[in-house]
Protein backbone atom coordinates (compact mmCIF):
# COMPACT_ATOMS: atom_id res chain seq x y z
CA MET A 1 -26.74 -6.36 -51.32
CA THR A 2 -27.30 -5.84 -47.59
CA ASP A 3 -29.09 -8.26 -45.30
CA LEU A 4 -31.50 -5.78 -43.75
CA VAL A 5 -32.53 -2.13 -43.78
CA VAL A 6 -34.29 -0.76 -40.69
CA LYS A 7 -36.21 2.50 -41.20
CA GLY A 8 -37.43 5.07 -38.69
CA LYS A 9 -36.22 8.15 -36.83
CA VAL A 10 -32.60 7.11 -36.42
CA VAL A 11 -30.74 8.45 -33.38
CA VAL A 12 -27.03 8.82 -34.19
CA PRO A 13 -24.37 10.62 -32.11
CA GLU A 14 -24.89 13.81 -34.13
CA GLY A 15 -28.67 13.92 -33.66
CA VAL A 16 -31.87 12.41 -35.07
CA ILE A 17 -32.18 11.50 -38.75
CA GLU A 18 -35.81 11.95 -39.78
CA ASP A 19 -36.99 9.37 -42.33
CA GLY A 20 -33.73 7.60 -41.61
CA TRP A 21 -32.42 4.16 -42.37
CA VAL A 22 -29.74 1.78 -41.12
CA ALA A 23 -28.33 -0.79 -43.54
CA ILE A 24 -26.96 -4.00 -42.04
CA ALA A 25 -24.62 -6.60 -43.50
CA GLY A 26 -22.95 -9.49 -41.71
CA GLY A 27 -24.31 -8.35 -38.34
CA ARG A 28 -22.71 -4.91 -38.58
CA ILE A 29 -23.90 -1.49 -39.66
CA ALA A 30 -23.00 -1.02 -43.31
CA GLY A 31 -24.62 2.34 -43.99
CA ILE A 32 -26.76 5.12 -42.50
CA GLY A 33 -28.83 7.68 -44.35
CA SER A 34 -32.24 9.21 -45.00
CA GLY A 35 -34.95 9.02 -47.61
CA SER A 36 -35.42 6.26 -50.16
CA SER A 37 -31.84 6.02 -51.41
CA PHE A 38 -30.82 3.09 -49.20
CA PRO A 39 -28.78 0.16 -50.52
CA PRO A 40 -30.51 -2.85 -52.07
CA SER A 41 -31.49 -5.29 -49.33
CA SER A 42 -33.07 -8.68 -48.95
CA CYS A 43 -35.36 -7.24 -46.26
CA VAL A 44 -36.67 -3.78 -45.35
CA ASP A 45 -38.21 -3.31 -41.88
CA ASP A 46 -40.04 0.02 -41.91
CA ARG A 47 -40.83 1.13 -38.37
CA GLY A 48 -42.56 4.35 -39.44
CA ASP A 49 -42.34 7.06 -36.78
CA ALA A 50 -40.58 4.84 -34.23
CA LEU A 51 -37.26 6.00 -32.83
CA ILE A 52 -34.35 3.75 -33.77
CA LEU A 53 -31.69 3.87 -31.04
CA PRO A 54 -28.54 1.88 -30.34
CA GLY A 55 -29.22 -1.12 -28.14
CA ALA A 56 -28.75 -0.21 -24.50
CA VAL A 57 -25.58 -1.25 -22.67
CA ASP A 58 -26.73 -1.81 -19.10
CA GLY A 59 -23.61 -1.19 -17.04
CA GLN A 60 -24.77 -2.87 -13.82
CA THR A 61 -26.74 -6.12 -13.62
CA HIS A 62 -26.84 -9.09 -11.24
CA ALA A 63 -27.93 -12.03 -13.38
CA THR A 64 -26.50 -14.77 -11.21
CA SER A 65 -27.09 -13.66 -7.63
CA TYR A 66 -30.05 -16.00 -7.07
CA LYS A 67 -30.10 -18.89 -9.56
CA GLY A 68 -26.38 -18.97 -10.23
CA LEU A 69 -25.05 -19.12 -13.77
CA ALA A 70 -28.33 -20.55 -15.07
CA GLY A 71 -29.95 -17.23 -14.11
CA ILE A 72 -28.34 -15.75 -17.21
CA ALA A 73 -31.15 -17.23 -19.31
CA GLU A 74 -34.11 -15.39 -17.76
CA THR A 75 -32.12 -12.22 -17.12
CA THR A 76 -31.04 -11.89 -20.75
CA ARG A 77 -34.56 -12.66 -22.00
CA SER A 78 -35.69 -9.68 -19.96
CA ALA A 79 -32.83 -7.61 -21.34
CA ILE A 80 -33.73 -8.25 -24.98
CA ALA A 81 -37.39 -7.43 -24.28
CA GLY A 82 -36.24 -4.19 -22.66
CA GLY A 83 -34.00 -3.05 -25.50
CA VAL A 84 -30.83 -3.96 -23.59
CA THR A 85 -28.61 -5.80 -26.05
CA THR A 86 -25.48 -5.87 -23.85
CA LEU A 87 -25.36 -6.47 -20.09
CA VAL A 88 -22.34 -5.72 -17.93
CA ASP A 89 -22.78 -8.28 -15.19
CA MET A 90 -21.49 -7.98 -11.66
CA PRO A 91 -19.14 -10.62 -10.19
CA TYR A 92 -21.15 -11.65 -7.12
CA ASP A 93 -22.32 -14.93 -8.54
CA ASN A 94 -24.09 -17.59 -6.50
CA PRO A 95 -22.42 -19.36 -4.76
CA ASP A 96 -18.95 -17.97 -5.46
CA PRO A 97 -17.70 -14.61 -6.74
CA LEU A 98 -15.80 -14.18 -9.99
CA ASP A 99 -12.36 -13.71 -8.44
CA ARG A 100 -10.28 -16.27 -10.37
CA PRO A 101 -9.82 -17.30 -14.00
CA GLU A 102 -11.56 -20.67 -13.77
CA ARG A 103 -14.74 -18.91 -12.60
CA LEU A 104 -14.43 -16.48 -15.49
CA ASP A 105 -14.16 -19.45 -17.86
CA ALA A 106 -17.26 -21.01 -16.31
CA LYS A 107 -19.27 -17.80 -16.68
CA VAL A 108 -18.17 -17.31 -20.28
CA GLY A 109 -19.29 -20.87 -20.92
CA ALA A 110 -22.64 -20.16 -19.31
CA ILE A 111 -23.10 -17.12 -21.57
CA ALA A 112 -22.55 -19.37 -24.59
CA ALA A 113 -25.14 -21.81 -23.25
CA TYR A 114 -27.84 -19.51 -21.88
CA ALA A 115 -27.62 -15.90 -23.03
CA HIS A 116 -30.16 -14.16 -25.27
CA ALA A 117 -28.17 -10.90 -25.15
CA ASP A 118 -24.47 -10.15 -25.21
CA MET A 119 -22.65 -9.88 -21.89
CA ALA A 120 -19.51 -8.17 -20.64
CA LEU A 121 -18.25 -9.08 -17.19
CA TYR A 122 -16.95 -7.47 -14.04
CA GLY A 123 -14.35 -9.34 -12.00
CA THR A 124 -13.61 -8.94 -8.31
CA ALA A 125 -10.94 -9.66 -5.72
CA THR A 126 -11.46 -11.22 -2.33
CA ARG A 127 -9.46 -11.49 0.86
CA GLU A 128 -8.47 -14.98 -0.28
CA THR A 129 -7.15 -14.00 -3.71
CA GLY A 130 -5.90 -10.45 -3.12
CA THR A 131 -4.25 -9.05 -6.23
CA SER A 132 -2.89 -12.38 -7.47
CA ASN A 133 -5.56 -13.09 -10.09
CA LEU A 134 -5.94 -9.60 -11.53
CA PRO A 135 -3.58 -10.13 -14.51
CA ALA A 136 -5.30 -13.37 -15.57
CA LEU A 137 -8.76 -11.81 -15.32
CA VAL A 138 -7.62 -8.79 -17.34
CA ARG A 139 -6.21 -11.09 -20.01
CA GLY A 140 -9.47 -13.01 -19.93
CA GLY A 141 -11.39 -9.90 -20.99
CA VAL A 142 -13.15 -8.56 -17.91
CA VAL A 143 -14.16 -4.95 -18.47
CA ALA A 144 -13.87 -3.71 -14.87
CA PHE A 145 -13.53 -4.81 -11.26
CA LYS A 146 -15.83 -4.21 -8.32
CA ILE A 147 -15.43 -4.40 -4.55
CA SER A 148 -17.57 -3.42 -1.58
CA SER A 149 -16.98 -1.41 1.57
CA PHE A 150 -20.00 -3.16 3.13
CA GLU A 151 -20.23 -6.92 3.67
CA SER A 152 -23.49 -8.42 2.45
CA ASN A 153 -22.10 -11.95 2.50
CA PRO A 154 -18.68 -13.06 3.78
CA VAL A 155 -18.06 -15.29 0.75
CA ARG A 156 -20.12 -14.03 -2.16
CA PHE A 157 -20.16 -10.29 -1.35
CA PRO A 158 -17.39 -9.55 1.19
CA ARG A 159 -16.14 -6.27 2.58
CA ILE A 160 -12.70 -5.37 1.26
CA SER A 161 -10.36 -3.54 3.63
CA GLU A 162 -8.85 -0.18 2.77
CA ALA A 163 -5.39 -1.76 2.74
CA LEU A 164 -6.38 -4.31 0.10
CA THR A 165 -8.33 -1.63 -1.77
CA LEU A 166 -5.14 0.42 -2.12
CA ASP A 167 -3.24 -2.68 -3.27
CA LEU A 168 -5.89 -3.31 -5.91
CA MET A 169 -5.80 0.27 -7.12
CA GLU A 170 -2.03 0.27 -7.45
CA ALA A 171 -2.19 -2.98 -9.42
CA LEU A 172 -5.01 -1.78 -11.68
CA ALA A 173 -3.76 1.75 -12.35
CA PRO A 174 -1.53 0.74 -15.32
CA THR A 175 -4.39 -1.24 -16.91
CA ARG A 176 -6.84 1.70 -16.91
CA LEU A 177 -9.64 -0.70 -16.01
CA PRO A 178 -12.16 0.89 -13.61
CA LEU A 179 -12.47 -0.26 -10.02
CA GLY A 180 -16.08 0.05 -8.91
CA LEU A 181 -17.26 0.32 -5.33
CA HIS A 182 -20.44 -0.49 -3.46
CA ASN A 183 -20.12 2.66 -1.41
CA GLU A 184 -21.45 2.50 2.15
CA ASP A 185 -19.47 2.84 5.38
CA GLN A 186 -20.04 -0.38 7.29
CA GLU A 187 -19.51 0.94 10.82
CA ILE A 188 -22.00 3.78 10.36
CA VAL A 189 -24.63 1.57 8.75
CA LEU A 190 -24.44 -1.23 11.31
CA ALA A 191 -24.65 1.23 14.20
CA ARG A 192 -27.61 3.11 12.72
CA MET A 193 -29.43 -0.11 11.84
CA ALA A 194 -29.03 -1.35 15.42
CA ARG A 195 -30.32 1.98 16.71
CA ALA A 196 -33.37 1.85 14.42
CA ARG A 197 -34.20 -1.72 15.38
CA ALA A 198 -33.89 -0.89 19.08
CA ALA A 199 -36.27 2.03 18.63
CA GLY A 200 -38.82 -0.18 16.88
CA LEU A 201 -38.57 1.78 13.64
CA ASN A 202 -39.57 0.04 10.43
CA GLY A 203 -40.57 0.83 6.87
CA ILE A 204 -38.69 2.11 3.85
CA VAL A 205 -37.96 5.55 5.34
CA ALA A 206 -36.35 3.87 8.36
CA HIS A 207 -34.27 1.83 5.94
CA ALA A 208 -33.08 5.03 4.25
CA THR A 209 -32.27 6.84 7.48
CA SER A 210 -30.42 3.82 8.87
CA ARG A 211 -28.14 3.93 5.83
CA PRO A 212 -27.70 7.72 5.80
CA GLU A 213 -26.18 9.84 3.07
CA ALA A 214 -23.25 10.40 5.46
CA ALA A 215 -22.38 6.69 5.25
CA GLU A 216 -22.45 6.83 1.49
CA LEU A 217 -20.38 10.01 1.26
CA ALA A 218 -17.85 8.72 3.83
CA ALA A 219 -17.20 5.53 1.88
CA THR A 220 -17.18 7.43 -1.41
CA GLY A 221 -14.74 10.05 -0.13
CA GLN A 222 -12.30 7.47 1.26
CA PHE A 223 -12.42 5.53 -2.00
CA LEU A 224 -11.91 8.64 -4.15
CA SER A 225 -8.97 9.72 -1.98
CA LEU A 226 -7.24 6.39 -2.46
CA GLY A 227 -7.90 6.72 -6.17
CA LEU A 228 -6.32 10.15 -6.23
CA ALA A 229 -3.23 8.81 -4.50
CA SER A 230 -2.89 5.66 -6.63
CA GLY A 231 -3.81 6.94 -10.09
CA ALA A 232 -6.41 4.21 -10.60
CA HIS A 233 -9.76 4.83 -12.29
CA VAL A 234 -12.23 4.73 -9.37
CA HIS A 235 -15.96 4.53 -9.82
CA PRO A 236 -18.71 4.49 -7.15
CA VAL A 237 -21.35 2.37 -8.85
CA HIS A 238 -24.39 4.04 -7.33
CA LEU A 239 -24.53 7.60 -6.08
CA THR A 240 -27.93 8.46 -4.66
CA THR A 241 -27.70 12.24 -4.30
CA GLY A 242 -26.34 15.17 -6.22
CA ALA A 243 -23.79 15.72 -3.47
CA GLY A 244 -22.12 12.41 -4.29
CA PHE A 245 -21.62 13.46 -7.89
CA ARG A 246 -20.31 16.87 -6.88
CA LEU A 247 -17.85 15.22 -4.49
CA THR A 248 -16.67 12.92 -7.28
CA ARG A 249 -16.20 15.84 -9.66
CA ALA A 250 -14.31 17.81 -6.99
CA VAL A 251 -11.81 14.98 -6.47
CA ALA A 252 -11.51 14.54 -10.23
CA ALA A 253 -10.62 18.24 -10.43
CA LEU A 254 -7.64 17.48 -8.18
CA GLY A 255 -6.36 15.04 -10.79
CA ALA A 256 -8.11 11.80 -9.90
CA LYS A 257 -9.54 9.47 -12.52
CA ALA A 258 -12.94 9.46 -10.86
CA THR A 259 -16.43 8.86 -12.26
CA GLY A 260 -19.83 8.15 -10.75
CA GLU A 261 -22.85 6.17 -11.87
CA ALA A 262 -26.59 6.72 -11.46
CA CYS A 263 -29.26 4.03 -11.41
CA VAL A 264 -32.65 4.67 -12.93
CA HIS A 265 -34.67 3.95 -9.78
CA TYR A 266 -32.88 6.79 -7.98
CA LEU A 267 -33.90 9.10 -10.85
CA TRP A 268 -37.59 8.17 -10.48
CA LEU A 269 -38.53 7.06 -6.96
CA ASP A 270 -38.70 9.00 -3.67
CA ALA A 271 -38.71 7.35 -0.25
CA ALA A 272 -41.30 9.72 1.23
CA GLN A 273 -43.61 9.85 -1.77
CA ASP A 274 -43.44 6.21 -2.84
CA GLY A 275 -42.38 4.38 0.33
CA GLU A 276 -45.80 3.78 1.89
CA ARG A 277 -47.12 2.37 -1.40
CA LEU A 278 -44.12 0.21 -2.29
CA GLY A 279 -42.42 -0.65 0.99
CA ALA A 280 -39.72 -3.29 0.57
CA ARG A 281 -40.50 -3.47 -3.16
CA MET A 282 -38.30 -0.39 -3.52
CA LYS A 283 -35.61 -1.42 -1.04
CA VAL A 284 -32.14 -1.09 -2.56
CA ASN A 285 -28.68 -0.37 -1.15
CA PRO A 286 -27.65 2.40 -0.94
CA PRO A 287 -31.26 3.39 -0.32
CA ILE A 288 -33.63 5.50 -2.36
CA ARG A 289 -33.76 8.78 -0.47
CA THR A 290 -36.22 11.61 0.10
CA ASN A 291 -36.10 14.71 -2.12
CA ALA A 292 -33.06 13.51 -4.06
CA VAL A 293 -34.49 13.11 -7.58
CA ASP A 294 -34.17 16.74 -8.69
CA GLY A 295 -30.56 16.94 -7.53
CA LEU A 296 -29.68 13.80 -9.44
CA TRP A 297 -31.19 15.13 -12.66
CA ARG A 298 -29.28 18.39 -12.16
CA ALA A 299 -26.11 16.35 -11.82
CA LEU A 300 -26.90 14.58 -15.07
CA SER A 301 -27.66 17.86 -16.85
CA ASP A 302 -24.35 19.23 -15.54
CA GLU A 303 -22.56 16.17 -17.03
CA LEU A 304 -21.45 14.88 -13.64
CA VAL A 305 -22.94 11.42 -14.32
CA ALA A 306 -20.86 8.92 -16.28
CA PHE A 307 -23.84 6.79 -17.34
CA VAL A 308 -27.12 5.34 -16.05
CA SER A 309 -27.75 1.66 -15.28
CA SER A 310 -30.53 -0.54 -13.93
CA ASP A 311 -28.65 -2.37 -11.13
CA HIS A 312 -31.05 -5.21 -12.01
CA SER A 313 -31.35 -7.75 -9.21
CA SER A 314 -32.69 -11.24 -9.74
CA TRP A 315 -34.33 -11.67 -6.31
CA PRO A 316 -37.83 -13.21 -6.21
CA ILE A 317 -40.59 -11.27 -4.47
CA ASP A 318 -40.59 -13.73 -1.55
CA ASN A 319 -37.26 -12.20 -0.59
CA LYS A 320 -39.15 -8.97 0.10
CA LEU A 321 -42.24 -10.27 1.88
CA VAL A 322 -40.94 -10.33 5.44
CA GLU A 323 -42.03 -8.56 8.60
CA SER A 324 -39.08 -6.19 9.04
CA ILE A 325 -37.68 -3.90 6.37
CA PHE A 326 -34.22 -4.71 7.74
CA ASP A 327 -34.66 -8.41 6.92
CA ALA A 328 -35.99 -7.84 3.42
CA GLY A 329 -33.66 -8.41 0.48
CA ALA A 330 -32.17 -5.38 -1.23
CA GLY A 331 -32.42 -4.91 -4.98
CA VAL A 332 -35.08 -4.59 -7.66
CA PRO A 333 -35.53 -5.95 -11.17
CA GLY A 334 -35.11 -3.35 -13.88
CA LEU A 335 -33.98 -4.57 -17.29
CA GLU A 336 -37.34 -4.05 -19.00
CA THR A 337 -37.98 -0.69 -17.35
CA LEU A 338 -34.53 0.92 -17.73
CA VAL A 339 -35.03 2.37 -21.20
CA PRO A 340 -38.69 3.45 -20.91
CA ALA A 341 -38.30 4.86 -17.38
CA PHE A 342 -35.22 6.90 -18.25
CA PHE A 343 -36.72 8.16 -21.51
CA THR A 344 -40.04 9.05 -19.85
CA SER A 345 -38.43 10.91 -16.97
CA ALA A 346 -36.08 12.84 -19.25
CA GLU A 347 -38.96 13.79 -21.55
CA ALA A 348 -41.11 14.92 -18.62
CA ARG A 349 -38.31 17.32 -17.65
CA GLY A 350 -38.27 18.89 -21.11
CA LEU A 351 -34.97 17.28 -22.05
CA ASP A 352 -33.99 15.68 -25.36
CA ALA A 353 -35.01 12.21 -24.24
CA ALA A 354 -33.99 10.34 -27.40
CA ARG A 355 -30.53 11.88 -27.44
CA LEU A 356 -29.96 11.38 -23.70
CA THR A 357 -31.16 7.78 -23.82
CA ALA A 358 -28.73 6.96 -26.63
CA GLU A 359 -25.92 8.75 -24.82
CA TYR A 360 -26.35 7.66 -21.20
CA LEU A 361 -27.69 4.15 -21.81
CA ALA A 362 -25.48 3.17 -24.76
CA GLU A 363 -22.66 5.45 -25.89
CA ARG A 364 -21.21 6.32 -22.51
CA PRO A 365 -21.27 2.84 -20.91
CA ALA A 366 -19.81 1.27 -24.08
CA ARG A 367 -16.89 3.71 -23.98
CA PHE A 368 -16.52 3.37 -20.21
CA PHE A 369 -16.13 -0.41 -20.37
CA GLY A 370 -13.89 -0.42 -23.44
CA ILE A 371 -16.34 -2.10 -25.81
CA ASP A 372 -17.07 0.91 -28.03
CA ASP A 373 -15.32 -0.71 -30.98
CA ARG A 374 -18.51 -2.78 -31.36
CA LYS A 375 -21.21 -1.42 -29.09
CA GLY A 376 -22.91 1.78 -28.03
CA ALA A 377 -23.82 3.81 -31.12
CA ILE A 378 -25.37 3.67 -34.55
CA GLU A 379 -22.19 4.10 -36.56
CA VAL A 380 -20.87 2.33 -39.64
CA GLY A 381 -18.73 -0.63 -38.63
CA ARG A 382 -20.26 -1.21 -35.22
CA GLU A 383 -22.41 -4.22 -34.48
CA ALA A 384 -26.03 -3.75 -35.49
CA ASP A 385 -27.56 -3.74 -32.01
CA LEU A 386 -30.69 -1.62 -32.38
CA VAL A 387 -33.92 -0.88 -30.54
CA ALA A 388 -37.17 0.57 -31.90
CA LEU A 389 -39.12 2.75 -29.47
CA GLU A 390 -42.81 3.34 -30.10
CA GLN A 391 -44.11 6.55 -28.54
CA GLY A 392 -47.42 6.85 -26.71
CA ASP A 393 -48.78 6.05 -23.24
CA PHE A 394 -47.96 2.58 -21.96
CA VAL A 395 -48.77 1.27 -18.48
CA TRP A 396 -46.13 -1.15 -17.21
CA ASP A 397 -47.55 -4.46 -16.02
CA GLU A 398 -45.11 -6.44 -13.91
CA GLY A 399 -46.87 -9.66 -14.90
CA SER A 400 -45.71 -9.23 -18.49
CA ALA A 401 -42.00 -9.22 -17.60
CA HIS A 402 -39.71 -11.86 -19.04
CA ASP A 403 -37.30 -12.01 -16.08
CA GLY A 404 -38.92 -14.95 -14.27
CA LEU A 405 -39.60 -12.60 -11.35
CA ASN A 406 -42.74 -10.76 -12.47
CA TRP A 407 -42.66 -8.00 -9.91
CA SER A 408 -41.45 -4.42 -10.21
CA PRO A 409 -41.48 -1.14 -8.28
CA PHE A 410 -42.56 0.40 -11.60
CA HIS A 411 -45.77 -1.65 -11.76
CA GLY A 412 -48.64 0.59 -12.87
CA GLU A 413 -46.40 3.45 -13.96
CA THR A 414 -47.09 5.05 -17.34
CA PHE A 415 -44.17 5.26 -19.75
CA SER A 416 -44.05 7.44 -22.84
CA VAL A 417 -42.29 4.78 -24.92
CA ARG A 418 -42.28 1.02 -25.26
CA VAL A 419 -39.71 -1.28 -26.82
CA ALA A 420 -41.33 -2.38 -30.07
CA ALA A 421 -38.31 -4.32 -31.38
CA SER A 422 -34.74 -5.24 -30.54
CA TRP A 423 -32.07 -6.44 -32.96
CA LEU A 424 -28.92 -8.23 -31.79
CA ARG A 425 -26.16 -7.98 -34.40
CA GLY A 426 -28.77 -7.44 -37.10
CA SER A 427 -31.09 -10.28 -36.13
CA LEU A 428 -34.55 -9.46 -34.79
CA ALA A 429 -34.55 -10.81 -31.24
CA TRP A 430 -37.72 -9.16 -29.86
CA ASP A 431 -40.74 -8.23 -31.96
CA GLY A 432 -42.64 -6.35 -29.26
CA ALA A 433 -44.44 -9.45 -28.08
CA ASN A 434 -42.10 -12.44 -28.30
CA ILE A 435 -38.46 -13.37 -27.71
CA LEU A 436 -37.32 -14.65 -31.11
CA ASN A 437 -33.74 -15.76 -30.51
CA ASN A 438 -32.48 -18.84 -28.71
CA PRO A 439 -30.33 -19.35 -25.61
CA GLY A 440 -26.74 -19.00 -26.66
CA ALA A 441 -27.45 -16.29 -29.23
CA GLY A 442 -25.69 -13.90 -26.87
CA ARG A 443 -21.90 -13.68 -26.79
CA PHE A 444 -19.22 -12.78 -24.28
CA VAL A 445 -17.93 -9.25 -24.97
CA PRO A 446 -14.32 -8.79 -23.79
CA ARG A 447 -12.77 -5.39 -23.23
CA ALA A 448 -11.04 -4.19 -26.39
CA THR A 449 -10.49 -0.42 -26.24
CA ALA A 450 -8.71 1.82 -23.75
CA GLY A 451 -11.90 3.16 -22.20
CA TRP A 452 -12.92 6.33 -20.45
CA TYR A 453 -9.53 8.00 -19.99
CA ALA A 454 -8.00 6.94 -23.31
CA SER A 455 -7.89 10.52 -24.61
CA GLU A 456 -5.69 11.54 -21.69
CA GLY A 457 -2.95 9.12 -22.73
CA SER A 458 -2.66 7.77 -19.21
């Protein structure tokens, strides 16, 4: 006897099972099939023509950048409502970054107290800690590390020098854990921002041109070169143009362990087309550029993209409502729009949206972060994290978000799917209208498998 059978069009790694079913026992997937020959169950949840996908693994979120560890509560509520059952959260917590084991312990404790979805965690290193805490953080279960070549805050989000970056890579290379980078050249950006301010330029296009693609490519190229020399797995966490992905692939072809990540807002928004309407509501770093969307989708179609994330930021709208674009906060919320926006855009381009959504929003990030023993696919033995997508025309209303922010650059956009249900380890957590689970239902997800380059035996 199983606990639950979920029926619908089931998206598995091999394709879509029409009239499919997923049997669940003890929070894990116990069987997969089609038709009426499913195992006896205490409950059958028939979703009709809805697509049943693996719960999304959002590989880049910032739950704690504004409200601190307590921000996990609202962020994970939004995740569950958006079909994101596992978040991979960045280490730039407020007020202090996750650069030492006691801060990891505190964040794991906060997950147990607040989380509605499961969470894996990035760690970081700072000028104060250097490489000294890396072994303890690895033992503690962090799935990756992240640093920045641009200083947003001297304590919480510092710039890491190239010398320390190389030290970190050499220390991390044997672990195979990825080292992510916020990839902008600080000298170029500061000089161009000063030039734009002096010229009286403002607006979202001025923001983009003051942080030019050259600054992004320069930081990316330096980082990839150090990765090639050190043997570490290096990963720019947001590439905004197709050129960035081609550069990453070119260095990988030289023997580097190099991957690149896309964020869904770069795949949808355009600075020239959307900037006047949205202004600072679409300000992110690196910036959304002009005429970059097609090149990014070509990079994805050419399999140059490791996976797609939301880069969800927990900033309130007041952080955006300032006179100068250069003083506005960078970052947008995105946990409830990640799945529908990616699916809709892929479908509009004539691509297999269901298959790509399962692959780029679940399978690939789960493997990348070494949690694919439990997460990322509808396969027997994995945890029963599922999402039901209803197809149709759905206008996104920012006021309906569950993130405590209630603003979005996607407000008023029409999506071709909506998240009708989410299950976390076999328990219905979102019914399409209400969050059904309690704070603390989410768990910390430590790294368990070798990750992206496991097949290379390195």
